[in-house]
Amino acid sequence: MSLRLLLALLVLAVPGAARAAGTRSVGPAAVVGVRATRVADLVLLDAGFDAGLRQGMVCRVTRGDADIAEVLLVELRDHLSAALILSLSPTQAIRTGDLVAVKTFKT
C-alpha cells in the first residue's frame, strides 16, 4: 500500500482531523494519530504545507519537557502530514496530543 493511500485512509480514520485543518495556526504541530502498518508505523500530524512543513524535514516529538521521538515527514497535504518514526526514546510511545516541531541545530 502506498504512503499516499495510507495518508488518505488515516485522514478518514482520525476523528476531527479534517475539522481541525481550517483552524491551524503557525507553531508546533500536534499528533492526531499513530497507526501501525505492515511496513512501518505512521504518525499523523494536524499541520502541513500551510504551516511551512515540507517533505523530508526531520521533526522532534515532545511531551512536556521530555523528548519522545524523531520523525521524518514523508507525505503532506495543506493541513495534514504523515511521518515515519526515525527514533524513539526507550520506554516511550508517541501519543495523540504530543507536540511536533521541526528539528533545528543549535550553534
C-alpha atoms as a PDB file:
ATOM      1  CA  MET A   1       0.000   0.000   0.000  1.00  0.00           C
ATOM      2  CA  SER A   2       1.415   3.413  -0.939  1.00  0.00           C
ATOM      3  CA  LEU A   3       2.037   6.188   1.578  1.00  0.00           C
ATOM      4  CA  ARG A   4      -0.435   8.429  -0.267  1.00  0.00           C
ATOM      5  CA  LEU A   5      -3.186   5.870   0.125  1.00  0.00           C
ATOM      6  CA  LEU A   6      -2.265   5.312   3.783  1.00  0.00           C
ATOM      7  CA  LEU A   7      -2.404   9.066   4.455  1.00  0.00           C
ATOM      8  CA  ALA A   8      -5.814   9.303   2.813  1.00  0.00           C
ATOM      9  CA  LEU A   9      -7.069   6.405   4.935  1.00  0.00           C
ATOM     10  CA  LEU A  10      -5.617   7.938   8.101  1.00  0.00           C
ATOM     11  CA  VAL A  11      -7.338  11.255   7.424  1.00  0.00           C
ATOM     12  CA  LEU A  12     -10.648   9.422   7.229  1.00  0.00           C
ATOM     13  CA  ALA A  13      -9.891   7.292  10.297  1.00  0.00           C
ATOM     14  CA  VAL A  14      -8.800  10.058  12.687  1.00  0.00           C
ATOM     15  CA  PRO A  15     -11.812  11.829  14.223  1.00  0.00           C
ATOM     16  CA  GLY A  16     -11.655  15.597  13.923  1.00  0.00           C
ATOM     17  CA  ALA A  17      -8.548  15.686  11.711  1.00  0.00           C
ATOM     18  CA  ALA A  18     -10.257  17.371   8.778  1.00  0.00           C
ATOM     19  CA  ARG A  19     -12.260  19.668  11.053  1.00  0.00           C
ATOM     20  CA  ALA A  20      -9.099  20.951  12.760  1.00  0.00           C
ATOM     21  CA  ALA A  21      -7.499  21.720   9.408  1.00  0.00           C
ATOM     22  CA  GLY A  22      -9.178  25.098   8.963  1.00  0.00           C
ATOM     23  CA  THR A  23      -8.144  26.389  12.385  1.00  0.00           C
ATOM     24  CA  ARG A  24      -4.406  25.685  12.205  1.00  0.00           C
ATOM     25  CA  SER A  25      -2.036  28.490  13.105  1.00  0.00           C
ATOM     26  CA  VAL A  26       1.728  28.655  12.727  1.00  0.00           C
ATOM     27  CA  GLY A  27       3.546  26.866  15.563  1.00  0.00           C
ATOM     28  CA  PRO A  28       4.193  23.311  16.696  1.00  0.00           C
ATOM     29  CA  ALA A  29       2.018  20.634  15.157  1.00  0.00           C
ATOM     30  CA  ALA A  30       0.124  18.113  17.255  1.00  0.00           C
ATOM     31  CA  VAL A  31      -0.047  14.361  16.799  1.00  0.00           C
ATOM     32  CA  VAL A  32      -3.615  13.395  15.896  1.00  0.00           C
ATOM     33  CA  GLY A  33      -2.989   9.709  15.418  1.00  0.00           C
ATOM     34  CA  VAL A  34      -0.487   6.880  15.199  1.00  0.00           C
ATOM     35  CA  ARG A  35      -1.245   3.908  13.008  1.00  0.00           C
ATOM     36  CA  ALA A  36       0.727   0.692  12.685  1.00  0.00           C
ATOM     37  CA  THR A  37       1.038  -0.714   9.193  1.00  0.00           C
ATOM     38  CA  ARG A  38       2.744  -3.806   7.859  1.00  0.00           C
ATOM     39  CA  VAL A  39       5.692  -1.726   6.685  1.00  0.00           C
ATOM     40  CA  ALA A  40       6.102   0.948   9.402  1.00  0.00           C
ATOM     41  CA  ASP A  41       4.202   2.990  11.959  1.00  0.00           C
ATOM     42  CA  LEU A  42       2.844   6.290  10.637  1.00  0.00           C
ATOM     43  CA  VAL A  43       2.339   9.421  12.724  1.00  0.00           C
ATOM     44  CA  LEU A  44      -0.428  11.777  11.524  1.00  0.00           C
ATOM     45  CA  LEU A  45       0.011  15.484  12.301  1.00  0.00           C
ATOM     46  CA  ASP A  46      -2.507  18.329  12.241  1.00  0.00           C
ATOM     47  CA  ALA A  47      -0.238  20.592  10.144  1.00  0.00           C
ATOM     48  CA  GLY A  48       1.105  20.500   6.623  1.00  0.00           C
ATOM     49  CA  PHE A  49       2.221  22.790   3.803  1.00  0.00           C
ATOM     50  CA  ASP A  50       0.267  25.756   5.162  1.00  0.00           C
ATOM     51  CA  ALA A  51       2.310  25.614   8.394  1.00  0.00           C
ATOM     52  CA  GLY A  52       5.599  25.623   6.474  1.00  0.00           C
ATOM     53  CA  LEU A  53       6.269  21.896   6.731  1.00  0.00           C
ATOM     54  CA  ARG A  54       7.959  20.153   3.799  1.00  0.00           C
ATOM     55  CA  GLN A  55       8.654  16.563   2.816  1.00  0.00           C
ATOM     56  CA  GLY A  56      11.990  15.330   4.186  1.00  0.00           C
ATOM     57  CA  MET A  57      12.057  17.545   7.279  1.00  0.00           C
ATOM     58  CA  VAL A  58      13.152  15.852  10.497  1.00  0.00           C
ATOM     59  CA  CYS A  59      10.989  16.788  13.478  1.00  0.00           C
ATOM     60  CA  ARG A  60      11.243  16.280  17.226  1.00  0.00           C
ATOM     61  CA  VAL A  61       8.256  14.878  19.144  1.00  0.00           C
ATOM     62  CA  THR A  62       7.919  16.163  22.723  1.00  0.00           C
ATOM     63  CA  ARG A  63       5.567  15.780  25.671  1.00  0.00           C
ATOM     64  CA  GLY A  64       6.097  18.494  28.248  1.00  0.00           C
ATOM     65  CA  ASP A  65       9.864  18.744  28.725  1.00  0.00           C
ATOM     66  CA  ALA A  66      10.537  15.184  27.549  1.00  0.00           C
ATOM     67  CA  ASP A  67      11.894  14.319  24.100  1.00  0.00           C
ATOM     68  CA  ILE A  68       9.872  11.348  22.888  1.00  0.00           C
ATOM     69  CA  ALA A  69      10.965  10.692  19.312  1.00  0.00           C
ATOM     70  CA  GLU A  70      12.228  11.975  15.997  1.00  0.00           C
ATOM     71  CA  VAL A  71      10.106  11.609  12.869  1.00  0.00           C
ATOM     72  CA  LEU A  72      10.609  12.176   9.144  1.00  0.00           C
ATOM     73  CA  LEU A  73       7.870  13.942   7.173  1.00  0.00           C
ATOM     74  CA  VAL A  74       7.025  11.744   4.192  1.00  0.00           C
ATOM     75  CA  GLU A  75       3.635  12.876   2.891  1.00  0.00           C
ATOM     76  CA  LEU A  76       1.984  16.279   3.194  1.00  0.00           C
ATOM     77  CA  ARG A  77      -1.314  17.955   2.433  1.00  0.00           C
ATOM     78  CA  ASP A  78      -2.286  21.575   3.067  1.00  0.00           C
ATOM     79  CA  HIS A  79      -3.288  20.987   6.689  1.00  0.00           C
ATOM     80  CA  LEU A  80      -2.170  17.409   7.443  1.00  0.00           C
ATOM     81  CA  SER A  81       1.005  15.385   7.185  1.00  0.00           C
ATOM     82  CA  ALA A  82       2.277  11.881   7.801  1.00  0.00           C
ATOM     83  CA  ALA A  83       5.655  10.990   9.249  1.00  0.00           C
ATOM     84  CA  LEU A  84       7.752   7.886   9.792  1.00  0.00           C
ATOM     85  CA  ILE A  85       9.387   7.279  13.162  1.00  0.00           C
ATOM     86  CA  LEU A  86      13.181   7.568  12.955  1.00  0.00           C
ATOM     87  CA  SER A  87      13.969   7.058  16.632  1.00  0.00           C
ATOM     88  CA  LEU A  88      12.001   6.548  19.811  1.00  0.00           C
ATOM     89  CA  SER A  89      13.162   7.051  23.386  1.00  0.00           C
ATOM     90  CA  PRO A  90      13.263   3.834  25.404  1.00  0.00           C
ATOM     91  CA  THR A  91      10.020   3.075  27.280  1.00  0.00           C
ATOM     92  CA  GLN A  92       8.185   5.856  25.393  1.00  0.00           C
ATOM     93  CA  ALA A  93       5.394   5.813  22.828  1.00  0.00           C
ATOM     94  CA  ILE A  94       4.077   8.604  20.633  1.00  0.00           C
ATOM     95  CA  ARG A  95       0.571   9.607  21.739  1.00  0.00           C
ATOM     96  CA  THR A  96      -2.210  11.802  20.441  1.00  0.00           C
ATOM     97  CA  GLY A  97      -1.572  15.349  21.665  1.00  0.00           C
ATOM     98  CA  ASP A  98       2.233  15.136  21.647  1.00  0.00           C
ATOM     99  CA  LEU A  99       3.816  18.208  20.048  1.00  0.00           C
ATOM    100  CA  VAL A 100       5.970  18.069  16.934  1.00  0.00           C
ATOM    101  CA  ALA A 101       8.391  20.784  15.813  1.00  0.00           C
ATOM    102  CA  VAL A 102      10.978  20.915  13.059  1.00  0.00           C
ATOM    103  CA  LYS A 103      14.339  19.874  14.455  1.00  0.00           C
ATOM    104  CA  THR A 104      16.855  22.700  14.427  1.00  0.00           C
ATOM    105  CA  PHE A 105      20.533  22.594  15.154  1.00  0.00           C
ATOM    106  CA  LYS A 106      21.891  24.750  17.972  1.00  0.00           C
ATOM    107  CA  THR A 107      25.152  26.571  17.328  1.00  0.00           C
END
